[in-house]
Amino acid sequence: MQLLFEFLPLILFLAAFYLKDIYFAVAVLMVAMPIGFAIKYYRTRTVDKMYLWSTVFLLVAGTATLYFRNPKFLYWKPTVFYWVVGAVFLASTWVGDRPLVRRFFDMTGELPTSNLPAESWRRLNLVWVLFFAAMGLINIYVAYTFSEAVWANFKVFGLLGLTLIFMLAQGMWLFSRLDANAPGEEES
């Protein structure tokens, strides 16, 4: 159900794009994202910071897109968002006692994150930084190389698909490492 609140605005964006044009799609997305955020907050009573900042970035880029009648502002929104998130992950290497990726997995409360050495967490954090940098580059490459329709589909399905694949790969790697480093088990 939670994934629905994050994915539904994108589906509405794509439907509005095919129904009319990019400007109508932006307006629909600018309404759907804050509503989705509010519903998510109402249900969980917690602020999903990634969703919040994505919504803020969208409102800024969407307003510029509509005001200037130029979709390039919208094209750059995912890229700038990914790069800012990557920069925050990178900065977390030096700020605080744990890199952001470890804090992210610590929030679940279900993983024995202390079983993984600090150096492994720093490396994993760097992998996330590189992922966000690459996602920003891929988005802007698609936006400027292919048609607007291809980019709209890529924004909805491609970026989400790549993120899901990355998260699954990270999860599998992390579970294998946490399992291998569990206390009381011999390392091979």
Protein backbone atom coordinates (compact mmCIF):
# COMPACT_ATOMS: atom_id res chain seq x y z
CA MET A 1 0.00 0.00 0.00
CA GLN A 2 2.85 2.39 0.81
CA LEU A 3 4.37 1.86 -2.63
CA LEU A 4 1.01 2.89 -4.10
CA PHE A 5 1.30 6.37 -2.56
CA GLU A 6 4.70 6.80 -4.15
CA PHE A 7 3.89 5.26 -7.54
CA LEU A 8 0.34 6.54 -8.10
CA PRO A 9 1.36 10.18 -8.70
CA LEU A 10 3.78 8.97 -11.38
CA ILE A 11 1.06 6.91 -13.07
CA LEU A 12 -1.24 9.95 -12.95
CA PHE A 13 1.59 12.02 -14.46
CA LEU A 14 2.00 9.59 -17.32
CA ALA A 15 -1.76 9.32 -17.92
CA ALA A 16 -2.09 13.12 -17.96
CA PHE A 17 0.89 13.36 -20.33
CA TYR A 18 -0.79 11.04 -22.85
CA LEU A 19 -4.18 12.63 -22.31
CA LYS A 20 -2.98 16.16 -23.06
CA ASP A 21 0.66 17.31 -22.78
CA ILE A 22 3.66 17.75 -20.48
CA TYR A 23 2.26 20.91 -18.88
CA PHE A 24 -1.00 19.26 -17.91
CA ALA A 25 1.00 16.28 -16.61
CA VAL A 26 3.16 18.58 -14.46
CA ALA A 27 0.09 20.25 -12.99
CA VAL A 28 -1.44 16.85 -12.17
CA LEU A 29 1.80 15.70 -10.55
CA MET A 30 2.04 18.95 -8.56
CA VAL A 31 -1.38 18.19 -7.07
CA ALA A 32 -0.90 14.43 -6.65
CA MET A 33 2.48 14.49 -4.86
CA PRO A 34 1.43 16.70 -1.92
CA ILE A 35 -1.83 14.74 -1.57
CA GLY A 36 0.14 11.48 -1.56
CA PHE A 37 2.53 12.93 1.01
CA ALA A 38 -0.35 14.06 3.24
CA ILE A 39 -2.06 10.67 3.04
CA LYS A 40 1.20 8.90 3.80
CA TYR A 41 1.79 11.16 6.79
CA TYR A 42 -1.79 10.70 8.03
CA ARG A 43 -1.45 6.91 7.85
CA THR A 44 2.01 6.62 9.44
CA ARG A 45 2.32 9.83 11.49
CA THR A 46 5.91 10.07 10.28
CA VAL A 47 7.52 12.31 7.70
CA ASP A 48 9.15 10.41 4.85
CA LYS A 49 12.02 12.81 4.19
CA MET A 50 12.81 11.47 0.72
CA TYR A 51 9.17 11.85 -0.35
CA LEU A 52 8.99 15.30 1.26
CA TRP A 53 12.09 16.60 -0.51
CA SER A 54 11.08 15.00 -3.80
CA THR A 55 7.76 16.83 -3.48
CA VAL A 56 9.51 20.13 -2.70
CA PHE A 57 11.85 19.70 -5.68
CA LEU A 58 8.86 18.86 -7.88
CA LEU A 59 6.93 21.94 -6.75
CA VAL A 60 9.90 24.19 -7.54
CA ALA A 61 10.72 22.55 -10.89
CA GLY A 62 7.03 22.23 -11.79
CA THR A 63 6.36 25.88 -11.05
CA ALA A 64 9.32 26.91 -13.21
CA THR A 65 8.16 24.53 -15.98
CA LEU A 66 4.66 26.01 -16.00
CA TYR A 67 5.71 29.64 -15.55
CA PHE A 68 8.35 29.59 -18.30
CA ARG A 69 6.49 27.01 -20.43
CA ASN A 70 9.74 25.07 -20.64
CA PRO A 71 9.84 21.35 -19.77
CA LYS A 72 13.61 21.40 -19.27
CA PHE A 73 13.05 22.41 -15.65
CA LEU A 74 11.08 19.21 -15.16
CA TYR A 75 13.70 17.16 -17.02
CA TRP A 76 16.34 18.36 -14.58
CA LYS A 77 14.25 17.73 -11.43
CA PRO A 78 15.15 14.01 -11.04
CA THR A 79 18.80 14.70 -11.88
CA VAL A 80 19.18 17.51 -9.35
CA PHE A 81 17.28 15.49 -6.74
CA TYR A 82 19.48 12.42 -7.24
CA TRP A 83 22.64 14.51 -7.12
CA VAL A 84 21.58 16.30 -3.95
CA VAL A 85 20.72 12.98 -2.29
CA GLY A 86 24.08 11.58 -3.43
CA ALA A 87 25.86 14.61 -1.97
CA VAL A 88 24.04 14.14 1.33
CA PHE A 89 25.07 10.46 1.41
CA LEU A 90 28.66 11.48 0.63
CA ALA A 91 28.68 14.15 3.34
CA SER A 92 27.37 11.61 5.86
CA THR A 93 30.70 9.83 5.57
CA TRP A 94 32.25 12.68 7.56
CA VAL A 95 29.23 13.96 9.52
CA GLY A 96 27.94 11.92 12.42
CA ASP A 97 29.00 8.57 13.72
CA ARG A 98 27.54 6.42 10.92
CA PRO A 99 27.17 6.85 7.17
CA LEU A 100 23.64 7.56 5.99
CA VAL A 101 23.21 4.14 4.40
CA ARG A 102 23.73 2.50 7.79
CA ARG A 103 21.29 4.90 9.43
CA PHE A 104 18.81 4.00 6.71
CA PHE A 105 19.12 0.29 7.47
CA ASP A 106 19.23 0.92 11.24
CA MET A 107 15.77 2.51 10.99
CA THR A 108 14.23 -0.85 10.15
CA GLY A 109 15.37 -2.19 13.51
CA GLU A 110 15.31 -5.69 12.07
CA LEU A 111 18.86 -6.04 10.80
CA PRO A 112 21.94 -6.74 12.91
CA THR A 113 23.77 -3.81 11.33
CA SER A 114 26.48 -3.87 13.99
CA ASN A 115 27.68 -7.18 12.49
CA LEU A 116 29.10 -5.34 9.48
CA PRO A 117 32.42 -3.51 9.96
CA ALA A 118 32.47 0.30 9.68
CA GLU A 119 34.65 0.13 6.55
CA SER A 120 32.04 -2.01 4.78
CA TRP A 121 29.37 0.58 5.64
CA ARG A 122 31.57 3.36 4.22
CA ARG A 123 32.06 1.39 1.00
CA LEU A 124 28.36 0.64 0.73
CA ASN A 125 27.61 4.32 1.31
CA LEU A 126 29.98 5.19 -1.55
CA VAL A 127 28.15 2.70 -3.79
CA TRP A 128 24.92 4.58 -3.04
CA VAL A 129 26.62 7.90 -3.87
CA LEU A 130 27.75 6.48 -7.21
CA PHE A 131 24.26 5.08 -7.86
CA PHE A 132 22.63 8.48 -7.30
CA ALA A 133 25.23 10.20 -9.49
CA ALA A 134 24.66 7.65 -12.27
CA MET A 135 20.88 7.94 -12.01
CA GLY A 136 21.14 11.70 -12.46
CA LEU A 137 23.34 11.27 -15.51
CA ILE A 138 21.10 8.60 -17.03
CA ASN A 139 18.00 10.74 -16.53
CA ILE A 140 19.47 13.79 -18.23
CA TYR A 141 20.91 11.65 -21.04
CA VAL A 142 17.47 10.19 -21.77
CA ALA A 143 15.81 13.63 -21.48
CA TYR A 144 18.12 15.22 -24.07
CA THR A 145 18.64 12.24 -26.37
CA PHE A 146 15.14 10.85 -26.78
CA SER A 147 11.66 12.22 -27.31
CA GLU A 148 9.61 13.73 -24.52
CA ALA A 149 7.33 10.65 -24.55
CA VAL A 150 10.30 8.30 -24.12
CA TRP A 151 11.60 10.43 -21.24
CA ALA A 152 8.15 10.50 -19.55
CA ASN A 153 7.95 6.70 -19.71
CA PHE A 154 11.55 6.39 -18.52
CA LYS A 155 10.85 8.78 -15.62
CA VAL A 156 7.96 6.61 -14.46
CA PHE A 157 9.17 3.09 -15.23
CA GLY A 158 12.90 3.29 -15.96
CA LEU A 159 14.05 5.26 -12.94
CA LEU A 160 11.79 3.26 -10.63
CA GLY A 161 12.90 -0.04 -12.19
CA LEU A 162 16.58 0.82 -11.88
CA THR A 163 16.04 1.86 -8.26
CA LEU A 164 14.23 -1.38 -7.43
CA ILE A 165 16.98 -3.47 -9.06
CA PHE A 166 19.61 -1.51 -7.13
CA MET A 167 17.75 -1.91 -3.84
CA LEU A 168 17.30 -5.66 -4.39
CA ALA A 169 20.98 -6.08 -5.22
CA GLN A 170 21.98 -4.05 -2.16
CA GLY A 171 19.61 -6.02 0.04
CA MET A 172 20.95 -9.36 -1.18
CA TRP A 173 24.55 -8.21 -0.72
CA LEU A 174 23.81 -6.80 2.71
CA PHE A 175 21.96 -9.89 3.93
CA SER A 176 24.78 -12.14 2.71
CA ARG A 177 27.38 -9.98 4.47
CA LEU A 178 25.40 -9.65 7.70
CA ASP A 179 24.82 -13.38 7.72
CA ALA A 180 28.50 -14.11 7.05
CA ASN A 181 29.60 -11.76 9.84
CA ALA A 182 27.06 -12.93 12.42
CA PRO A 183 28.57 -13.51 15.88
CA GLY A 184 29.32 -17.12 16.69
CA GLU A 185 29.85 -18.16 13.08
CA GLU A 186 33.21 -18.88 11.60
CA GLU A 187 34.35 -16.86 8.61
CA SER A 188 35.53 -18.83 5.63
